[in-house]
Amino acid sequence: MSYEKDRDSSSSGPEIATPTTSNPPSPQLSASSRYTAVPPTENHHVILLLLSAIYPATIVLGSLFSIVAPNGQTASYFSRKTNIFNVFFVKIGWFWTTAAFLVHISSLRHPNASQSRVRALFRWGLATVTWILVTQWMFGPPLMDRTFTLTGGACQPGYNIAQASANPNFSTRVEEAFTSAACKLSGGKWAGGHDLSGHTFMLTHASLFLWAETLPRLLEGWWRGGVSTTGNTLLAMKWYGVHWFVWAVLGLWWWMLLMTSVYFHTWPEKVTGWLVALFEWGLLYAYLIPRNPQVRQVFGTPTI
């Protein structure tokens, strides 16, 4: 059995390997001896969908644990918002996600690697814009804060009597805060509305993005098998073709999603955070890239 790459007239080159029984190898594949064993990827789409199911399952698992073991909700280090993983990783989670993504695309071996990296950066840009609109800024307050205020939420005084008495404008500043960040800075408390889980959104959105980008490399690595290194250094070590740093970020994001599901937010808040996280990934990776040649011409396809 040999393998050739699916392409359309608007594509810049091969992107997804599929098995064939009679055709000769693609000329692109013979451009380098490193492409002598390309994994079959006709089930790529199905595998991507199965991977995405990890995250709703994690939310359900964590939420059920919080119900059956409510006394354990305050017994863990991860129940504190000040835990080191939350403060230094999740709070700046898109930075770490971007770092993992850059590590991944820096080692692309595709014959058109330079062009593949440019298009990968376009996909990252779209994912970044989605993250900004939901959690940082959407022509004013971000989507998560707009959702909160539209469902009756508001910034309320944090009952700091000493601060309020010392500054008569304290309560006014609190009541005029329209974002959760401004509310906290003014000494208030965000309360009363539907608090779409920003942690659930970011951790799911970032994980689905990394899975979609690294899956072709993972399938190829699985086909070839095992752990690989270049120069026998930790920095070059990979598991099934994917750099260890990407695996570390994916693993930490899964664990912190589980901890968020156990210790924070209500069921509806976690579910809406997950649903919003599906939007950009589902539209681009699960629908448009597989089906639309014009979209592939602009954004390309994740590759090895």
Protein backbone atom coordinates (compact mmCIF):
# COMPACT_ATOMS: atom_id res chain seq x y z
CA MET A 1 0.00 0.00 0.00
CA SER A 2 1.27 3.46 -0.84
CA TYR A 3 0.07 6.83 0.31
CA GLU A 4 -0.78 10.06 -1.44
CA LYS A 5 -1.94 13.43 -0.24
CA ASP A 6 -5.44 14.88 -0.72
CA ARG A 7 -5.32 18.22 -2.49
CA ASP A 8 -7.69 20.64 -4.15
CA SER A 9 -7.08 23.14 -6.94
CA SER A 10 -6.73 26.03 -4.51
CA SER A 11 -4.41 24.32 -2.07
CA SER A 12 -0.71 25.09 -1.96
CA GLY A 13 0.27 21.46 -1.57
CA PRO A 14 -0.55 18.19 0.13
CA GLU A 15 -2.00 18.34 3.60
CA ILE A 16 -3.76 15.13 4.64
CA ALA A 17 -2.42 11.68 3.88
CA THR A 18 -4.89 9.01 2.71
CA PRO A 19 -4.22 5.39 1.72
CA THR A 20 -4.33 4.25 -1.91
CA THR A 21 -3.70 0.83 -3.39
CA SER A 22 -2.59 1.60 -6.94
CA ASN A 23 -1.32 5.12 -7.47
CA PRO A 24 2.42 5.92 -7.21
CA PRO A 25 3.68 8.01 -4.29
CA SER A 26 3.07 11.75 -4.52
CA PRO A 27 6.05 13.72 -5.93
CA GLN A 28 5.83 15.93 -2.83
CA LEU A 29 6.37 12.91 -0.62
CA SER A 30 9.50 11.88 -2.49
CA ALA A 31 10.97 15.34 -1.94
CA SER A 32 12.54 13.99 1.23
CA SER A 33 13.40 10.51 2.45
CA ARG A 34 11.79 11.43 5.76
CA TYR A 35 8.40 10.89 4.15
CA THR A 36 8.81 7.21 3.35
CA ALA A 37 6.25 6.10 5.97
CA VAL A 38 3.22 8.36 6.10
CA PRO A 39 0.37 7.26 8.39
CA PRO A 40 -3.09 6.70 6.96
CA THR A 41 -5.36 9.52 8.10
CA GLU A 42 -8.75 8.78 6.58
CA ASN A 43 -10.10 8.65 10.15
CA HIS A 44 -8.43 11.94 11.14
CA HIS A 45 -11.78 13.75 11.49
CA VAL A 46 -13.27 11.00 13.66
CA ILE A 47 -10.22 10.91 15.93
CA LEU A 48 -10.37 14.69 16.37
CA LEU A 49 -14.02 14.48 17.41
CA LEU A 50 -13.25 11.67 19.86
CA LEU A 51 -10.46 13.74 21.44
CA SER A 52 -12.86 16.65 21.86
CA ALA A 53 -15.13 14.39 23.94
CA ILE A 54 -12.47 14.29 26.68
CA TYR A 55 -13.48 17.74 27.90
CA PRO A 56 -17.24 17.42 28.48
CA ALA A 57 -16.49 14.05 30.11
CA THR A 58 -13.99 15.77 32.42
CA ILE A 59 -16.52 18.46 33.35
CA VAL A 60 -19.14 15.82 34.14
CA LEU A 61 -16.67 13.76 36.18
CA GLY A 62 -15.49 16.73 38.25
CA SER A 63 -18.99 18.06 38.79
CA LEU A 64 -20.26 14.66 39.94
CA PHE A 65 -17.37 14.38 42.38
CA SER A 66 -18.29 17.77 43.86
CA ILE A 67 -21.81 16.46 44.43
CA VAL A 68 -21.00 13.06 45.95
CA ALA A 69 -18.11 14.39 48.06
CA PRO A 70 -19.07 17.97 48.98
CA ASN A 71 -16.84 17.94 52.07
CA GLY A 72 -13.83 17.46 49.83
CA GLN A 73 -14.42 20.77 48.10
CA THR A 74 -12.33 22.71 50.60
CA ALA A 75 -9.83 20.00 51.47
CA SER A 76 -7.56 20.31 48.44
CA TYR A 77 -4.72 22.65 47.56
CA PHE A 78 -6.44 23.12 44.20
CA SER A 79 -9.57 24.51 45.87
CA ARG A 80 -7.61 27.73 46.50
CA LYS A 81 -7.55 30.31 43.73
CA THR A 82 -4.03 31.20 44.86
CA ASN A 83 -2.57 27.77 44.05
CA ILE A 84 0.60 28.09 42.01
CA PHE A 85 -0.79 26.33 38.92
CA ASN A 86 -3.71 28.73 38.73
CA VAL A 87 -1.66 31.88 39.35
CA PHE A 88 1.35 31.16 37.13
CA PHE A 89 -0.21 29.00 34.43
CA VAL A 90 -4.00 29.23 34.01
CA LYS A 91 -4.19 32.97 34.64
CA ILE A 92 -1.82 33.48 31.72
CA GLY A 93 -2.95 30.33 29.95
CA TRP A 94 -2.97 31.70 26.42
CA PHE A 95 0.71 32.63 26.78
CA TRP A 96 1.60 29.01 27.59
CA THR A 97 -0.70 27.72 24.84
CA THR A 98 0.98 30.04 22.34
CA ALA A 99 4.42 28.91 23.51
CA ALA A 100 3.46 25.25 23.02
CA PHE A 101 2.05 26.02 19.59
CA LEU A 102 5.23 27.84 18.51
CA VAL A 103 7.37 24.94 19.73
CA HIS A 104 5.22 22.63 17.62
CA ILE A 105 5.30 24.58 14.35
CA SER A 106 9.03 25.31 14.69
CA SER A 107 9.69 21.63 14.00
CA LEU A 108 7.33 21.09 11.05
CA ARG A 109 8.88 18.80 8.43
CA HIS A 110 6.38 19.37 5.63
CA PRO A 111 8.07 20.04 2.23
CA ASN A 112 6.33 23.43 2.24
CA ALA A 113 7.12 24.06 5.90
CA SER A 114 7.55 27.84 5.63
CA GLN A 115 4.17 28.33 4.01
CA SER A 116 2.61 25.85 6.42
CA ARG A 117 3.91 27.89 9.37
CA VAL A 118 2.44 31.11 7.97
CA ARG A 119 -0.97 29.51 7.58
CA ALA A 120 -0.67 27.93 11.03
CA LEU A 121 -0.12 31.44 12.40
CA PHE A 122 -3.34 32.52 10.66
CA ARG A 123 -5.18 29.74 12.51
CA TRP A 124 -3.53 30.77 15.77
CA GLY A 125 -4.58 34.37 15.10
CA LEU A 126 -8.20 33.31 14.74
CA ALA A 127 -8.02 31.30 17.96
CA THR A 128 -6.40 34.27 19.71
CA VAL A 129 -9.10 36.68 18.55
CA THR A 130 -11.71 34.27 19.92
CA TRP A 131 -9.93 34.16 23.28
CA ILE A 132 -9.73 37.98 23.39
CA LEU A 133 -13.41 38.47 22.53
CA VAL A 134 -14.59 36.00 25.17
CA THR A 135 -12.27 36.84 28.06
CA GLN A 136 -10.57 40.21 27.49
CA TRP A 137 -12.38 42.71 25.28
CA MET A 138 -15.32 42.75 22.87
CA PHE A 139 -15.70 46.39 21.89
CA GLY A 140 -15.94 47.05 25.62
CA PRO A 141 -16.50 44.32 28.21
CA PRO A 142 -15.70 40.79 26.99
CA LEU A 143 -18.42 38.28 26.17
CA MET A 144 -18.22 36.59 29.58
CA ASP A 145 -18.82 39.91 31.40
CA ARG A 146 -21.56 40.97 29.00
CA THR A 147 -23.30 37.66 29.66
CA PHE A 148 -23.03 38.25 33.39
CA THR A 149 -24.54 41.74 33.34
CA LEU A 150 -27.26 40.81 30.82
CA THR A 151 -28.44 38.05 33.16
CA GLY A 152 -28.80 40.44 36.09
CA GLY A 153 -25.29 40.44 37.53
CA ALA A 154 -23.50 43.50 38.84
CA CYS A 155 -20.49 44.59 40.82
CA GLN A 156 -21.45 44.85 44.48
CA PRO A 157 -19.46 46.36 47.36
CA GLY A 158 -17.18 43.92 49.07
CA TYR A 159 -18.35 45.10 52.50
CA ASN A 160 -15.01 46.66 53.38
CA ILE A 161 -16.42 49.13 55.92
CA ALA A 162 -13.08 50.77 56.69
CA GLN A 163 -12.34 51.40 53.01
CA ALA A 164 -15.88 52.66 52.32
CA SER A 165 -15.83 55.07 55.24
CA ALA A 166 -12.40 56.40 54.30
CA ASN A 167 -13.45 57.04 50.70
CA PRO A 168 -17.04 58.20 50.10
CA ASN A 169 -16.69 57.46 46.38
CA PHE A 170 -15.87 53.80 47.07
CA SER A 171 -19.41 52.45 46.54
CA THR A 172 -19.93 54.55 43.43
CA ARG A 173 -16.77 53.21 41.81
CA VAL A 174 -17.82 49.66 42.60
CA GLU A 175 -21.30 50.07 41.16
CA GLU A 176 -19.91 51.59 37.96
CA ALA A 177 -17.51 48.70 37.28
CA PHE A 178 -18.65 46.91 34.14
CA THR A 179 -16.04 44.14 33.95
CA SER A 180 -15.01 41.51 36.47
CA ALA A 181 -11.42 42.82 36.42
CA ALA A 182 -12.54 46.40 37.13
CA CYS A 183 -14.86 45.13 39.85
CA LYS A 184 -12.04 43.38 41.67
CA LEU A 185 -9.72 46.37 41.30
CA SER A 186 -12.34 48.66 42.82
CA GLY A 187 -12.77 46.33 45.81
CA GLY A 188 -16.14 44.96 44.77
CA LYS A 189 -17.63 41.52 44.29
CA TRP A 190 -19.00 40.21 40.98
CA ALA A 191 -22.36 38.70 41.94
CA GLY A 192 -25.91 38.04 40.87
CA GLY A 193 -25.75 36.86 37.24
CA HIS A 194 -24.71 33.92 35.08
CA ASP A 195 -20.93 33.78 35.44
CA LEU A 196 -19.79 31.97 32.29
CA SER A 197 -16.74 30.00 33.39
CA GLY A 198 -13.70 31.68 31.89
CA HIS A 199 -11.45 28.88 33.13
CA THR A 200 -13.60 26.23 31.47
CA PHE A 201 -13.63 28.23 28.25
CA MET A 202 -9.89 28.92 28.12
CA LEU A 203 -8.77 25.42 29.12
CA THR A 204 -11.10 23.73 26.63
CA HIS A 205 -10.49 26.24 23.83
CA ALA A 206 -6.71 26.03 24.23
CA SER A 207 -6.70 22.23 24.43
CA LEU A 208 -8.88 21.74 21.35
CA PHE A 209 -6.67 24.16 19.43
CA LEU A 210 -3.48 22.27 20.37
CA TRP A 211 -5.04 18.88 19.60
CA ALA A 212 -6.20 20.05 16.16
CA GLU A 213 -2.74 21.43 15.35
CA THR A 214 -0.72 18.46 16.58
CA LEU A 215 -2.96 15.54 15.55
CA PRO A 216 -1.31 14.92 12.14
CA ARG A 217 2.09 14.75 13.84
CA LEU A 218 0.67 12.52 16.57
CA LEU A 219 -0.78 10.09 14.02
CA GLU A 220 2.48 9.98 12.11
CA GLY A 221 4.42 9.45 15.35
CA TRP A 222 2.05 6.69 16.40
CA TRP A 223 2.56 5.07 13.01
CA ARG A 224 6.31 5.22 13.39
CA GLY A 225 6.14 4.45 17.09
CA GLY A 226 7.40 5.66 20.39
CA VAL A 227 9.52 8.32 21.99
CA SER A 228 12.03 10.09 19.78
CA THR A 229 14.87 12.48 20.48
CA THR A 230 17.16 14.67 18.43
CA GLY A 231 20.60 15.00 19.95
CA ASN A 232 19.46 13.08 23.05
CA THR A 233 18.53 16.22 24.97
CA LEU A 234 15.40 16.88 27.01
CA LEU A 235 14.60 19.95 24.89
CA ALA A 236 14.44 17.76 21.78
CA MET A 237 12.48 14.88 23.29
CA LYS A 238 9.15 13.94 21.74
CA TRP A 239 6.46 11.40 22.49
CA TYR A 240 4.87 9.97 19.34
CA GLY A 241 6.23 12.84 17.32
CA VAL A 242 4.84 15.60 19.56
CA HIS A 243 7.22 17.72 21.66
CA TRP A 244 7.12 16.99 25.39
CA PHE A 245 6.30 20.65 26.14
CA VAL A 246 3.05 20.39 24.16
CA TRP A 247 2.15 17.23 26.07
CA ALA A 248 2.91 18.99 29.36
CA VAL A 249 0.61 21.92 28.53
CA LEU A 250 -2.18 19.60 27.35
CA GLY A 251 -1.86 17.50 30.51
CA LEU A 252 -1.87 20.51 32.82
CA TRP A 253 -4.87 22.05 31.05
CA TRP A 254 -6.81 18.79 31.45
CA TRP A 255 -5.95 18.58 35.15
CA MET A 256 -6.89 22.20 35.82
CA LEU A 257 -10.17 21.73 33.96
CA LEU A 258 -10.90 18.80 36.27
CA MET A 259 -10.05 20.93 39.31
CA THR A 260 -12.24 23.77 38.03
CA SER A 261 -15.09 21.31 37.58
CA VAL A 262 -14.70 20.02 41.13
CA TYR A 263 -14.20 23.27 43.04
CA PHE A 264 -15.60 26.20 41.07
CA HIS A 265 -18.70 27.37 39.24
CA THR A 266 -22.15 25.84 38.83
CA TRP A 267 -23.15 23.24 36.25
CA PRO A 268 -24.70 25.82 33.87
CA GLU A 269 -21.66 28.10 34.12
CA LYS A 270 -19.28 25.28 33.24
CA VAL A 271 -21.48 24.02 30.41
CA THR A 272 -21.76 27.46 28.80
CA GLY A 273 -17.99 27.94 29.09
CA TRP A 274 -17.50 24.62 27.30
CA LEU A 275 -20.07 25.40 24.60
CA VAL A 276 -18.48 28.77 23.80
CA ALA A 277 -15.08 27.03 23.60
CA LEU A 278 -16.46 24.70 20.91
CA PHE A 279 -17.47 27.50 18.56
CA GLU A 280 -14.22 28.52 16.83
CA TRP A 281 -12.74 25.01 16.92
CA GLY A 282 -15.92 23.42 15.58
CA LEU A 283 -16.39 26.01 12.85
CA LEU A 284 -12.80 26.01 11.57
CA TYR A 285 -11.30 22.59 12.32
CA ALA A 286 -14.33 20.32 12.39
CA TYR A 287 -16.32 21.89 9.55
CA LEU A 288 -14.69 24.49 7.27
CA ILE A 289 -11.17 23.06 6.83
CA PRO A 290 -12.38 19.55 5.91
CA ARG A 291 -15.16 20.82 3.62
CA ASN A 292 -14.21 24.17 2.10
CA PRO A 293 -11.29 24.55 -0.38
CA GLN A 294 -11.44 28.36 -0.16
CA VAL A 295 -10.93 28.20 3.60
CA ARG A 296 -8.01 25.81 3.15
CA GLN A 297 -6.46 28.21 0.66
CA VAL A 298 -6.33 30.90 3.37
CA PHE A 299 -5.86 28.94 6.59
CA GLY A 300 -4.22 25.78 5.29
CA THR A 301 -4.46 22.48 7.14
CA PRO A 302 -2.57 21.27 10.23
CA THR A 303 0.27 19.11 8.98
CA ILE A 304 3.42 17.28 10.02
